[in-house]
Amino acid sequence: MADSDLQIETQDGVTIAVLGEAYENLNEPALLAASKHLLDLAQTIEPPVLLIDLSHTKFFGSSFLGTLFRTWRRLSSRGGRMAMCSPTEVCGEVLRVTQVDRLWTIYGERNDAVAALRS
């Protein structure tokens, strides 16, 4: 997989999934690829702590929200946690309107998210 598609990083015990340029608009083909990768991560990462970096994602809809829920359920079944960081203005609004910000913490900055998830 090219670095511009989905980059996986680890920082202080937190796995970070950075959706790259290919996911700037999560259309159906991009969504299928992102879903597979996120669900695989949720099943395999140790510790089961996942941060999804949305800084390059300009739009997503209900299908991606479904992927986030499935990813979170897999992590939760393993005693894990999930958060998101750096949403663009439009994506941040979608997260607020759908009230998923009540379920997952949304951080403005990646370093703040890592510090919170690490503790």
PDB file of N, CA and C in Angstrom:
ATOM      1  N   MET A   1       0.850  -1.176   0.000  1.00  0.00           N
ATOM      2  CA  MET A   1       0.000   0.000   0.000  1.00  0.00           C
ATOM      3  C   MET A   1       0.896   1.239   0.000  1.00  0.00           C
ATOM      4  N   ALA A   2       0.576   2.201  -0.822  1.00  0.00           N
ATOM      5  CA  ALA A   2       1.371   3.421  -0.900  1.00  0.00           C
ATOM      6  C   ALA A   2       1.183   4.270   0.353  1.00  0.00           C
ATOM      7  N   ASP A   3       2.246   4.999   0.683  1.00  0.00           N
ATOM      8  CA  ASP A   3       2.188   5.851   1.870  1.00  0.00           C
ATOM      9  C   ASP A   3       1.067   6.874   1.796  1.00  0.00           C
ATOM     10  N   SER A   4       0.691   7.293   0.579  1.00  0.00           N
ATOM     11  CA  SER A   4      -0.347   8.312   0.464  1.00  0.00           C
ATOM     12  C   SER A   4      -1.741   7.752   0.729  1.00  0.00           C
ATOM     13  N   ASP A   5      -1.883   6.425   0.773  1.00  0.00           N
ATOM     14  CA  ASP A   5      -3.197   5.824   0.980  1.00  0.00           C
ATOM     15  C   ASP A   5      -3.562   5.775   2.454  1.00  0.00           C
ATOM     16  N   LEU A   6      -2.850   4.994   3.224  1.00  0.00           N
ATOM     17  CA  LEU A   6      -3.114   4.867   4.649  1.00  0.00           C
ATOM     18  C   LEU A   6      -1.782   4.622   5.328  1.00  0.00           C
ATOM     19  N   GLN A   7      -1.410   5.533   6.172  1.00  0.00           N
ATOM     20  CA  GLN A   7      -0.136   5.417   6.861  1.00  0.00           C
ATOM     21  C   GLN A   7      -0.401   5.017   8.300  1.00  0.00           C
ATOM     22  N   ILE A   8       0.309   4.001   8.758  1.00  0.00           N
ATOM     23  CA  ILE A   8       0.178   3.534  10.120  1.00  0.00           C
ATOM     24  C   ILE A   8       1.428   3.953  10.878  1.00  0.00           C
ATOM     25  N   GLU A   9       1.219   4.643  11.976  1.00  0.00           N
ATOM     26  CA  GLU A   9       2.317   5.104  12.816  1.00  0.00           C
ATOM     27  C   GLU A   9       2.043   4.670  14.244  1.00  0.00           C
ATOM     28  N   THR A  10       3.090   4.590  15.032  1.00  0.00           N
ATOM     29  CA  THR A  10       2.940   4.313  16.451  1.00  0.00           C
ATOM     30  C   THR A  10       3.668   5.400  17.215  1.00  0.00           C
ATOM     31  N   GLN A  11       2.992   5.948  18.208  1.00  0.00           N
ATOM     32  CA  GLN A  11       3.585   6.988  19.031  1.00  0.00           C
ATOM     33  C   GLN A  11       3.174   6.738  20.477  1.00  0.00           C
ATOM     34  N   ASP A  12       4.138   6.490  21.326  1.00  0.00           N
ATOM     35  CA  ASP A  12       3.887   6.287  22.761  1.00  0.00           C
ATOM     36  C   ASP A  12       2.817   5.227  23.027  1.00  0.00           C
ATOM     37  N   GLY A  13       2.870   4.122  22.287  1.00  0.00           N
ATOM     38  CA  GLY A  13       1.929   3.034  22.508  1.00  0.00           C
ATOM     39  C   GLY A  13       0.571   3.228  21.878  1.00  0.00           C
ATOM     40  N   VAL A  14       0.410   4.274  21.080  1.00  0.00           N
ATOM     41  CA  VAL A  14      -0.858   4.547  20.399  1.00  0.00           C
ATOM     42  C   VAL A  14      -0.643   4.310  18.903  1.00  0.00           C
ATOM     43  N   THR A  15      -1.488   3.469  18.310  1.00  0.00           N
ATOM     44  CA  THR A  15      -1.443   3.263  16.862  1.00  0.00           C
ATOM     45  C   THR A  15      -2.247   4.372  16.215  1.00  0.00           C
ATOM     46  N   ILE A  16      -1.639   5.018  15.225  1.00  0.00           N
ATOM     47  CA  ILE A  16      -2.282   6.135  14.537  1.00  0.00           C
ATOM     48  C   ILE A  16      -2.491   5.746  13.085  1.00  0.00           C
ATOM     49  N   ALA A  17      -3.729   5.802  12.645  1.00  0.00           N
ATOM     50  CA  ALA A  17      -4.073   5.562  11.246  1.00  0.00           C
ATOM     51  C   ALA A  17      -4.296   6.923  10.595  1.00  0.00           C
ATOM     52  N   VAL A  18      -3.394   7.281   9.696  1.00  0.00           N
ATOM     53  CA  VAL A  18      -3.501   8.558   8.995  1.00  0.00           C
ATOM     54  C   VAL A  18      -4.083   8.262   7.623  1.00  0.00           C
ATOM     55  N   LEU A  19      -5.303   8.726   7.415  1.00  0.00           N
ATOM     56  CA  LEU A  19      -5.920   8.564   6.102  1.00  0.00           C
ATOM     57  C   LEU A  19      -5.290   9.585   5.175  1.00  0.00           C
ATOM     58  N   GLY A  20      -4.590   9.103   4.158  1.00  0.00           N
ATOM     59  CA  GLY A  20      -3.824   9.972   3.274  1.00  0.00           C
ATOM     60  C   GLY A  20      -4.638  10.576   2.156  1.00  0.00           C
ATOM     61  N   GLU A  21      -3.920  11.061   1.157  1.00  0.00           N
ATOM     62  CA  GLU A  21      -4.532  11.811   0.062  1.00  0.00           C
ATOM     63  C   GLU A  21      -5.586  11.009  -0.685  1.00  0.00           C
ATOM     64  N   ALA A  22      -5.407   9.713  -0.790  1.00  0.00           N
ATOM     65  CA  ALA A  22      -6.388   8.888  -1.500  1.00  0.00           C
ATOM     66  C   ALA A  22      -7.732   8.902  -0.794  1.00  0.00           C
ATOM     67  N   TYR A  23      -7.742   9.256   0.490  1.00  0.00           N
ATOM     68  CA  TYR A  23      -8.974   9.266   1.258  1.00  0.00           C
ATOM     69  C   TYR A  23      -9.482  10.674   1.530  1.00  0.00           C
ATOM     70  N   GLU A  24      -9.045  11.643   0.743  1.00  0.00           N
ATOM     71  CA  GLU A  24      -9.506  13.007   1.009  1.00  0.00           C
ATOM     72  C   GLU A  24     -11.001  13.132   0.805  1.00  0.00           C
ATOM     73  N   ASN A  25     -11.571  12.267   0.008  1.00  0.00           N
ATOM     74  CA  ASN A  25     -13.017  12.198  -0.152  1.00  0.00           C
ATOM     75  C   ASN A  25     -13.367  10.722  -0.137  1.00  0.00           C
ATOM     76  N   LEU A  26     -13.994  10.269   0.932  1.00  0.00           N
ATOM     77  CA  LEU A  26     -14.230   8.839   1.115  1.00  0.00           C
ATOM     78  C   LEU A  26     -15.404   8.357   0.263  1.00  0.00           C
ATOM     79  N   ASN A  27     -15.122   8.200  -1.050  1.00  0.00           N
ATOM     80  CA  ASN A  27     -16.118   7.626  -1.942  1.00  0.00           C
ATOM     81  C   ASN A  27     -16.125   6.112  -1.747  1.00  0.00           C
ATOM     82  N   GLU A  28     -16.937   5.403  -2.478  1.00  0.00           N
ATOM     83  CA  GLU A  28     -17.137   3.972  -2.241  1.00  0.00           C
ATOM     84  C   GLU A  28     -15.859   3.134  -2.344  1.00  0.00           C
ATOM     85  N   PRO A  29     -15.048   3.246  -3.402  1.00  0.00           N
ATOM     86  CA  PRO A  29     -13.822   2.431  -3.452  1.00  0.00           C
ATOM     87  C   PRO A  29     -12.854   2.764  -2.310  1.00  0.00           C
ATOM     88  N   ALA A  30     -12.685   4.043  -2.029  1.00  0.00           N
ATOM     89  CA  ALA A  30     -11.796   4.442  -0.939  1.00  0.00           C
ATOM     90  C   ALA A  30     -12.342   3.960   0.401  1.00  0.00           C
ATOM     91  N   LEU A  31     -13.649   4.010   0.554  1.00  0.00           N
ATOM     92  CA  LEU A  31     -14.277   3.569   1.795  1.00  0.00           C
ATOM     93  C   LEU A  31     -14.051   2.076   2.031  1.00  0.00           C
ATOM     94  N   LEU A  32     -14.193   1.282   0.995  1.00  0.00           N
ATOM     95  CA  LEU A  32     -13.976  -0.163   1.147  1.00  0.00           C
ATOM     96  C   LEU A  32     -12.550  -0.450   1.603  1.00  0.00           C
ATOM     97  N   ALA A  33     -11.576   0.224   1.009  1.00  0.00           N
ATOM     98  CA  ALA A  33     -10.184   0.016   1.396  1.00  0.00           C
ATOM     99  C   ALA A  33      -9.937   0.490   2.827  1.00  0.00           C
ATOM    100  N   ALA A  34     -10.448   1.666   3.168  1.00  0.00           N
ATOM    101  CA  ALA A  34     -10.256   2.198   4.517  1.00  0.00           C
ATOM    102  C   ALA A  34     -10.911   1.290   5.546  1.00  0.00           C
ATOM    103  N   SER A  35     -12.106   0.801   5.249  1.00  0.00           N
ATOM    104  CA  SER A  35     -12.820  -0.074   6.181  1.00  0.00           C
ATOM    105  C   SER A  35     -12.015  -1.326   6.480  1.00  0.00           C
ATOM    106  N   LYS A  36     -11.511  -1.955   5.448  1.00  0.00           N
ATOM    107  CA  LYS A  36     -10.735  -3.180   5.647  1.00  0.00           C
ATOM    108  C   LYS A  36      -9.528  -2.919   6.536  1.00  0.00           C
ATOM    109  N   HIS A  37      -8.806  -1.876   6.243  1.00  0.00           N
ATOM    110  CA  HIS A  37      -7.588  -1.578   7.011  1.00  0.00           C
ATOM    111  C   HIS A  37      -7.906  -1.221   8.464  1.00  0.00           C
ATOM    112  N   LEU A  38      -8.917  -0.409   8.683  1.00  0.00           N
ATOM    113  CA  LEU A  38      -9.267  -0.018  10.048  1.00  0.00           C
ATOM    114  C   LEU A  38      -9.771  -1.209  10.859  1.00  0.00           C
ATOM    115  N   LEU A  39     -10.588  -2.057  10.247  1.00  0.00           N
ATOM    116  CA  LEU A  39     -11.098  -3.236  10.956  1.00  0.00           C
ATOM    117  C   LEU A  39      -9.971  -4.229  11.261  1.00  0.00           C
ATOM    118  N   ASP A  40      -9.039  -4.383  10.332  1.00  0.00           N
ATOM    119  CA  ASP A  40      -7.876  -5.245  10.592  1.00  0.00           C
ATOM    120  C   ASP A  40      -7.045  -4.701  11.750  1.00  0.00           C
ATOM    121  N   LEU A  41      -6.815  -3.408  11.758  1.00  0.00           N
ATOM    122  CA  LEU A  41      -6.065  -2.790  12.855  1.00  0.00           C
ATOM    123  C   LEU A  41      -6.761  -3.019  14.191  1.00  0.00           C
ATOM    124  N   ALA A  42      -8.067  -2.820  14.205  1.00  0.00           N
ATOM    125  CA  ALA A  42      -8.824  -2.970  15.452  1.00  0.00           C
ATOM    126  C   ALA A  42      -8.708  -4.381  16.014  1.00  0.00           C
ATOM    127  N   GLN A  43      -8.530  -5.345  15.143  1.00  0.00           N
ATOM    128  CA  GLN A  43      -8.436  -6.740  15.569  1.00  0.00           C
ATOM    129  C   GLN A  43      -7.025  -7.132  16.006  1.00  0.00           C
ATOM    130  N   THR A  44      -6.007  -6.418  15.527  1.00  0.00           N
ATOM    131  CA  THR A  44      -4.637  -6.912  15.708  1.00  0.00           C
ATOM    132  C   THR A  44      -3.702  -6.029  16.526  1.00  0.00           C
ATOM    133  N   ILE A  45      -3.956  -4.739  16.642  1.00  0.00           N
ATOM    134  CA  ILE A  45      -2.964  -3.875  17.287  1.00  0.00           C
ATOM    135  C   ILE A  45      -2.863  -4.147  18.784  1.00  0.00           C
ATOM    136  N   GLU A  46      -1.658  -4.006  19.280  1.00  0.00           N
ATOM    137  CA  GLU A  46      -1.374  -4.150  20.715  1.00  0.00           C
ATOM    138  C   GLU A  46      -0.536  -2.970  21.160  1.00  0.00           C
ATOM    139  N   PRO A  47      -0.944  -2.260  22.170  1.00  0.00           N
ATOM    140  CA  PRO A  47      -2.231  -2.368  22.846  1.00  0.00           C
ATOM    141  C   PRO A  47      -3.342  -1.908  21.913  1.00  0.00           C
ATOM    142  N   PRO A  48      -4.589  -2.289  22.198  1.00  0.00           N
ATOM    143  CA  PRO A  48      -5.705  -1.946  21.314  1.00  0.00           C
ATOM    144  C   PRO A  48      -6.159  -0.492  21.491  1.00  0.00           C
ATOM    145  N   VAL A  49      -5.289   0.426  21.124  1.00  0.00           N
ATOM    146  CA  VAL A  49      -5.568   1.861  21.230  1.00  0.00           C
ATOM    147  C   VAL A  49      -5.331   2.466  19.851  1.00  0.00           C
ATOM    148  N   LEU A  50      -6.384   3.034  19.269  1.00  0.00           N
ATOM    149  CA  LEU A  50      -6.322   3.527  17.900  1.00  0.00           C
ATOM    150  C   LEU A  50      -6.738   4.986  17.834  1.00  0.00           C
ATOM    151  N   LEU A  51      -5.922   5.767  17.160  1.00  0.00           N
ATOM    152  CA  LEU A  51      -6.224   7.168  16.875  1.00  0.00           C
ATOM    153  C   LEU A  51      -6.359   7.293  15.366  1.00  0.00           C
ATOM    154  N   ILE A  52      -7.466   7.844  14.918  1.00  0.00           N
ATOM    155  CA  ILE A  52      -7.697   8.042  13.490  1.00  0.00           C
ATOM    156  C   ILE A  52      -7.485   9.515  13.178  1.00  0.00           C
ATOM    157  N   ASP A  53      -6.473   9.773  12.358  1.00  0.00           N
ATOM    158  CA  ASP A  53      -6.113  11.141  11.974  1.00  0.00           C
ATOM    159  C   ASP A  53      -6.887  11.499  10.710  1.00  0.00           C
ATOM    160  N   LEU A  54      -7.773  12.479  10.831  1.00  0.00           N
ATOM    161  CA  LEU A  54      -8.644  12.885   9.725  1.00  0.00           C
ATOM    162  C   LEU A  54      -8.167  14.167   9.040  1.00  0.00           C
ATOM    163  N   SER A  55      -6.921  14.548   9.225  1.00  0.00           N
ATOM    164  CA  SER A  55      -6.446  15.838   8.728  1.00  0.00           C
ATOM    165  C   SER A  55      -6.477  15.957   7.203  1.00  0.00           C
ATOM    166  N   HIS A  56      -6.451  14.831   6.478  1.00  0.00           N
ATOM    167  CA  HIS A  56      -6.479  14.878   5.015  1.00  0.00           C
ATOM    168  C   HIS A  56      -7.843  14.516   4.439  1.00  0.00           C
ATOM    169  N   THR A  57      -8.811  14.227   5.286  1.00  0.00           N
ATOM    170  CA  THR A  57     -10.131  13.809   4.832  1.00  0.00           C
ATOM    171  C   THR A  57     -11.051  15.022   4.783  1.00  0.00           C
ATOM    172  N   LYS A  58     -11.547  15.319   3.595  1.00  0.00           N
ATOM    173  CA  LYS A  58     -12.357  16.524   3.427  1.00  0.00           C
ATOM    174  C   LYS A  58     -13.843  16.268   3.554  1.00  0.00           C
ATOM    175  N   PHE A  59     -14.267  15.026   3.385  1.00  0.00           N
ATOM    176  CA  PHE A  59     -15.692  14.713   3.457  1.00  0.00           C
ATOM    177  C   PHE A  59     -15.859  13.226   3.733  1.00  0.00           C
ATOM    178  N   PHE A  60     -16.887  12.876   4.495  1.00  0.00           N
ATOM    179  CA  PHE A  60     -17.319  11.492   4.611  1.00  0.00           C
ATOM    180  C   PHE A  60     -18.793  11.482   4.967  1.00  0.00           C
ATOM    181  N   GLY A  61     -19.416  10.357   4.724  1.00  0.00           N
ATOM    182  CA  GLY A  61     -20.843  10.240   4.988  1.00  0.00           C
ATOM    183  C   GLY A  61     -21.141   9.119   5.956  1.00  0.00           C
ATOM    184  N   SER A  62     -22.387   8.684   5.939  1.00  0.00           N
ATOM    185  CA  SER A  62     -22.852   7.698   6.905  1.00  0.00           C
ATOM    186  C   SER A  62     -22.151   6.346   6.765  1.00  0.00           C
ATOM    187  N   SER A  63     -21.731   5.987   5.577  1.00  0.00           N
ATOM    188  CA  SER A  63     -21.033   4.709   5.410  1.00  0.00           C
ATOM    189  C   SER A  63     -19.732   4.690   6.202  1.00  0.00           C
ATOM    190  N   PHE A  64     -19.003   5.797   6.195  1.00  0.00           N
ATOM    191  CA  PHE A  64     -17.762   5.853   6.970  1.00  0.00           C
ATOM    192  C   PHE A  64     -18.057   5.854   8.465  1.00  0.00           C
ATOM    193  N   LEU A  65     -19.141   6.478   8.865  1.00  0.00           N
ATOM    194  CA  LEU A  65     -19.532   6.424  10.276  1.00  0.00           C
ATOM    195  C   LEU A  65     -19.788   4.978  10.694  1.00  0.00           C
ATOM    196  N   GLY A  66     -20.395   4.198   9.803  1.00  0.00           N
ATOM    197  CA  GLY A  66     -20.593   2.776  10.078  1.00  0.00           C
ATOM    198  C   GLY A  66     -19.275   2.047  10.262  1.00  0.00           C
ATOM    199  N   THR A  67     -18.293   2.381   9.449  1.00  0.00           N
ATOM    200  CA  THR A  67     -16.955   1.791   9.598  1.00  0.00           C
ATOM    201  C   THR A  67     -16.356   2.161  10.942  1.00  0.00           C
ATOM    202  N   LEU A  68     -16.519   3.414  11.349  1.00  0.00           N
ATOM    203  CA  LEU A  68     -15.990   3.838  12.645  1.00  0.00           C
ATOM    204  C   LEU A  68     -16.634   3.061  13.777  1.00  0.00           C
ATOM    205  N   PHE A  69     -17.944   2.852  13.702  1.00  0.00           N
ATOM    206  CA  PHE A  69     -18.642   2.080  14.732  1.00  0.00           C
ATOM    207  C   PHE A  69     -18.139   0.640  14.783  1.00  0.00           C
ATOM    208  N   ARG A  70     -17.988   0.014  13.623  1.00  0.00           N
ATOM    209  CA  ARG A  70     -17.497  -1.371  13.601  1.00  0.00           C
ATOM    210  C   ARG A  70     -16.068  -1.456  14.144  1.00  0.00           C
ATOM    211  N   THR A  71     -15.257  -0.495  13.789  1.00  0.00           N
ATOM    212  CA  THR A  71     -13.879  -0.465  14.289  1.00  0.00           C
ATOM    213  C   THR A  71     -13.881  -0.326  15.806  1.00  0.00           C
ATOM    214  N   TRP A  72     -14.680   0.591  16.307  1.00  0.00           N
ATOM    215  CA  TRP A  72     -14.770   0.821  17.753  1.00  0.00           C
ATOM    216  C   TRP A  72     -15.266  -0.421  18.489  1.00  0.00           C
ATOM    217  N   ARG A  73     -16.268  -1.099  17.910  1.00  0.00           N
ATOM    218  CA  ARG A  73     -16.778  -2.317  18.549  1.00  0.00           C
ATOM    219  C   ARG A  73     -15.700  -3.385  18.653  1.00  0.00           C
ATOM    220  N   ARG A  74     -14.906  -3.540  17.609  1.00  0.00           N
ATOM    221  CA  ARG A  74     -13.812  -4.523  17.668  1.00  0.00           C
ATOM    222  C   ARG A  74     -12.803  -4.142  18.732  1.00  0.00           C
ATOM    223  N   LEU A  75     -12.450  -2.884  18.783  1.00  0.00           N
ATOM    224  CA  LEU A  75     -11.502  -2.430  19.808  1.00  0.00           C
ATOM    225  C   LEU A  75     -12.083  -2.613  21.201  1.00  0.00           C
ATOM    226  N   SER A  76     -13.333  -2.245  21.373  1.00  0.00           N
ATOM    227  CA  SER A  76     -13.992  -2.343  22.680  1.00  0.00           C
ATOM    228  C   SER A  76     -14.059  -3.781  23.168  1.00  0.00           C
ATOM    229  N   SER A  77     -14.293  -4.711  22.257  1.00  0.00           N
ATOM    230  CA  SER A  77     -14.368  -6.121  22.646  1.00  0.00           C
ATOM    231  C   SER A  77     -13.025  -6.630  23.152  1.00  0.00           C
ATOM    232  N   ARG A  78     -11.971  -5.912  22.822  1.00  0.00           N
ATOM    233  CA  ARG A  78     -10.623  -6.267  23.276  1.00  0.00           C
ATOM    234  C   ARG A  78     -10.171  -5.364  24.432  1.00  0.00           C
ATOM    235  N   GLY A  79     -11.092  -4.568  24.968  1.00  0.00           N
ATOM    236  CA  GLY A  79     -10.747  -3.659  26.053  1.00  0.00           C
ATOM    237  C   GLY A  79     -10.017  -2.420  25.583  1.00  0.00           C
ATOM    238  N   GLY A  80     -10.140  -2.105  24.293  1.00  0.00           N
ATOM    239  CA  GLY A  80      -9.407  -0.997  23.704  1.00  0.00           C
ATOM    240  C   GLY A  80     -10.168   0.313  23.683  1.00  0.00           C
ATOM    241  N   ARG A  81      -9.501   1.308  23.114  1.00  0.00           N
ATOM    242  CA  ARG A  81     -10.064   2.659  23.014  1.00  0.00           C
ATOM    243  C   ARG A  81      -9.790   3.219  21.631  1.00  0.00           C
ATOM    244  N   MET A  82     -10.611   4.191  21.237  1.00  0.00           N
ATOM    245  CA  MET A  82     -10.467   4.842  19.942  1.00  0.00           C
ATOM    246  C   MET A  82     -10.792   6.321  20.089  1.00  0.00           C
ATOM    247  N   ALA A  83     -10.086   7.131  19.336  1.00  0.00           N
ATOM    248  CA  ALA A  83     -10.361   8.561  19.269  1.00  0.00           C
ATOM    249  C   ALA A  83     -10.015   9.028  17.864  1.00  0.00           C
ATOM    250  N   MET A  84     -10.376  10.262  17.566  1.00  0.00           N
ATOM    251  CA  MET A  84     -10.048  10.870  16.287  1.00  0.00           C
ATOM    252  C   MET A  84      -9.383  12.212  16.530  1.00  0.00           C
ATOM    253  N   CYS A  85      -8.611  12.628  15.548  1.00  0.00           N
ATOM    254  CA  CYS A  85      -7.964  13.933  15.689  1.00  0.00           C
ATOM    255  C   CYS A  85      -7.930  14.664  14.357  1.00  0.00           C
ATOM    256  N   SER A  86      -7.737  15.946  14.472  1.00  0.00           N
ATOM    257  CA  SER A  86      -7.496  16.859  13.353  1.00  0.00           C
ATOM    258  C   SER A  86      -8.535  16.820  12.247  1.00  0.00           C
ATOM    259  N   PRO A  87      -9.823  16.771  12.587  1.00  0.00           N
ATOM    260  CA  PRO A  87     -10.808  16.774  11.500  1.00  0.00           C
ATOM    261  C   PRO A  87     -10.835  18.134  10.815  1.00  0.00           C
ATOM    262  N   THR A  88     -11.080  18.111   9.522  1.00  0.00           N
ATOM    263  CA  THR A  88     -11.287  19.358   8.809  1.00  0.00           C
ATOM    264  C   THR A  88     -12.596  19.957   9.309  1.00  0.00           C
ATOM    265  N   GLU A  89     -12.869  21.183   8.946  1.00  0.00           N
ATOM    266  CA  GLU A  89     -14.072  21.863   9.437  1.00  0.00           C
ATOM    267  C   GLU A  89     -15.343  21.089   9.077  1.00  0.00           C
ATOM    268  N   VAL A  90     -15.450  20.649   7.836  1.00  0.00           N
ATOM    269  CA  VAL A  90     -16.647  19.930   7.395  1.00  0.00           C
ATOM    270  C   VAL A  90     -16.783  18.598   8.139  1.00  0.00           C
ATOM    271  N   CYS A  91     -15.690  17.845   8.246  1.00  0.00           N
ATOM    272  CA  CYS A  91     -15.744  16.551   8.943  1.00  0.00           C
ATOM    273  C   CYS A  91     -16.054  16.744  10.419  1.00  0.00           C
ATOM    274  N   GLY A  92     -15.497  17.763  11.030  1.00  0.00           N
ATOM    275  CA  GLY A  92     -15.790  18.050  12.427  1.00  0.00           C
ATOM    276  C   GLY A  92     -17.258  18.349  12.636  1.00  0.00           C
ATOM    277  N   GLU A  93     -17.846  19.058  11.699  1.00  0.00           N
ATOM    278  CA  GLU A  93     -19.275  19.367  11.781  1.00  0.00           C
ATOM    279  C   GLU A  93     -20.118  18.098  11.653  1.00  0.00           C
ATOM    280  N   VAL A  94     -19.746  17.206  10.737  1.00  0.00           N
ATOM    281  CA  VAL A  94     -20.466  15.935  10.592  1.00  0.00           C
ATOM    282  C   VAL A  94     -20.398  15.147  11.897  1.00  0.00           C
ATOM    283  N   LEU A  95     -19.236  15.108  12.524  1.00  0.00           N
ATOM    284  CA  LEU A  95     -19.077  14.373  13.782  1.00  0.00           C
ATOM    285  C   LEU A  95     -19.937  14.978  14.894  1.00  0.00           C
ATOM    286  N   ARG A  96     -20.042  16.306  14.916  1.00  0.00           N
ATOM    287  CA  ARG A  96     -20.867  16.964  15.939  1.00  0.00           C
ATOM    288  C   ARG A  96     -22.360  16.765  15.670  1.00  0.00           C
ATOM    289  N   VAL A  97     -22.781  16.949  14.423  1.00  0.00           N
ATOM    290  CA  VAL A  97     -24.194  16.833  14.071  1.00  0.00           C
ATOM    291  C   VAL A  97     -24.707  15.420  14.333  1.00  0.00           C
ATOM    292  N   THR A  98     -23.888  14.425  14.050  1.00  0.00           N
ATOM    293  CA  THR A  98     -24.296  13.035  14.279  1.00  0.00           C
ATOM    294  C   THR A  98     -24.088  12.613  15.730  1.00  0.00           C
ATOM    295  N   GLN A  99     -23.531  13.497  16.515  1.00  0.00           N
ATOM    296  CA  GLN A  99     -23.311  13.318  17.954  1.00  0.00           C
ATOM    297  C   GLN A  99     -22.369  12.171  18.304  1.00  0.00           C
ATOM    298  N   VAL A 100     -21.527  11.766  17.361  1.00  0.00           N
ATOM    299  CA  VAL A 100     -20.551  10.733  17.705  1.00  0.00           C
ATOM    300  C   VAL A 100     -19.446  11.293  18.588  1.00  0.00           C
ATOM    301  N   ASP A 101     -19.384  12.618  18.672  1.00  0.00           N
ATOM    302  CA  ASP A 101     -18.406  13.211  19.588  1.00  0.00           C
ATOM    303  C   ASP A 101     -18.771  12.940  21.048  1.00  0.00           C
ATOM    304  N   ARG A 102     -19.972  12.418  21.283  1.00  0.00           N
ATOM    305  CA  ARG A 102     -20.349  11.983  22.635  1.00  0.00           C
ATOM    306  C   ARG A 102     -19.809  10.589  22.928  1.00  0.00           C
ATOM    307  N   LEU A 103     -19.542   9.833  21.877  1.00  0.00           N
ATOM    308  CA  LEU A 103     -19.053   8.465  22.008  1.00  0.00           C
ATOM    309  C   LEU A 103     -17.532   8.415  21.986  1.00  0.00           C
ATOM    310  N   TRP A 104     -16.942   9.159  21.077  1.00  0.00           N
ATOM    311  CA  TRP A 104     -15.489   9.202  20.931  1.00  0.00           C
ATOM    312  C   TRP A 104     -15.016  10.635  21.114  1.00  0.00           C
ATOM    313  N   THR A 105     -13.882  10.777  21.731  1.00  0.00           N
ATOM    314  CA  THR A 105     -13.305  12.109  21.882  1.00  0.00           C
ATOM    315  C   THR A 105     -12.657  12.507  20.564  1.00  0.00           C
ATOM    316  N   ILE A 106     -12.906  13.727  20.167  1.00  0.00           N
ATOM    317  CA  ILE A 106     -12.331  14.289  18.955  1.00  0.00           C
ATOM    318  C   ILE A 106     -11.344  15.370  19.388  1.00  0.00           C
ATOM    319  N   TYR A 107     -10.087  15.191  19.052  1.00  0.00           N
ATOM    320  CA  TYR A 107      -9.035  16.130  19.446  1.00  0.00           C
ATOM    321  C   TYR A 107      -8.644  16.996  18.255  1.00  0.00           C
ATOM    322  N   GLY A 108      -8.361  18.243  18.533  1.00  0.00           N
ATOM    323  CA  GLY A 108      -7.914  19.150  17.487  1.00  0.00           C
ATOM    324  C   GLY A 108      -6.498  18.850  17.029  1.00  0.00           C
ATOM    325  N   GLU A 109      -5.668  18.439  17.956  1.00  0.00           N
ATOM    326  CA  GLU A 109      -4.259  18.193  17.655  1.00  0.00           C
ATOM    327  C   GLU A 109      -3.886  16.752  17.962  1.00  0.00           C
ATOM    328  N   ARG A 110      -3.054  16.177  17.127  1.00  0.00           N
ATOM    329  CA  ARG A 110      -2.629  14.794  17.298  1.00  0.00           C
ATOM    330  C   ARG A 110      -1.885  14.580  18.613  1.00  0.00           C
ATOM    331  N   ASN A 111      -0.978  15.473  18.970  1.00  0.00           N
ATOM    332  CA  ASN A 111      -0.204  15.287  20.204  1.00  0.00           C
ATOM    333  C   ASN A 111      -1.088  15.279  21.444  1.00  0.00           C
ATOM    334  N   ASP A 112      -2.134  16.105  21.452  1.00  0.00           N
ATOM    335  CA  ASP A 112      -3.082  16.091  22.578  1.00  0.00           C
ATOM    336  C   ASP A 112      -3.805  14.747  22.657  1.00  0.00           C
ATOM    337  N   ALA A 113      -4.169  14.213  21.513  1.00  0.00           N
ATOM    338  CA  ALA A 113      -4.866  12.921  21.472  1.00  0.00           C
ATOM    339  C   ALA A 113      -3.960  11.805  21.974  1.00  0.00           C
ATOM    340  N   VAL A 114      -2.733  11.786  21.514  1.00  0.00           N
ATOM    341  CA  VAL A 114      -1.799  10.747  21.951  1.00  0.00           C
ATOM    342  C   VAL A 114      -1.568  10.818  23.441  1.00  0.00           C
ATOM    343  N   ALA A 115      -1.383  12.023  23.957  1.00  0.00           N
ATOM    344  CA  ALA A 115      -1.166  12.187  25.410  1.00  0.00           C
ATOM    345  C   ALA A 115      -2.361  11.675  26.196  1.00  0.00           C
ATOM    346  N   ALA A 116      -3.566  11.966  25.739  1.00  0.00           N
ATOM    347  CA  ALA A 116      -4.771  11.527  26.454  1.00  0.00           C
ATOM    348  C   ALA A 116      -4.953  10.013  26.357  1.00  0.00           C
ATOM    349  N   LEU A 117      -4.727   9.441  25.190  1.00  0.00           N
ATOM    350  CA  LEU A 117      -4.898   7.999  25.021  1.00  0.00           C
ATOM    351  C   LEU A 117      -3.812   7.196  25.721  1.00  0.00           C
ATOM    352  N   ARG A 118      -2.676   7.776  25.866  1.00  0.00           N
ATOM    353  CA  ARG A 118      -1.549   7.111  26.530  1.00  0.00           C
ATOM    354  C   ARG A 118      -1.813   6.948  28.027  1.00  0.00           C
ATOM    355  N   SER A 119      -2.541   7.877  28.606  1.00  0.00           N
ATOM    356  CA  SER A 119      -2.763   7.844  30.065  1.00  0.00           C
ATOM    357  C   SER A 119      -3.878   6.912  30.458  1.00  0.00           C
TER     358      SER A 119
END
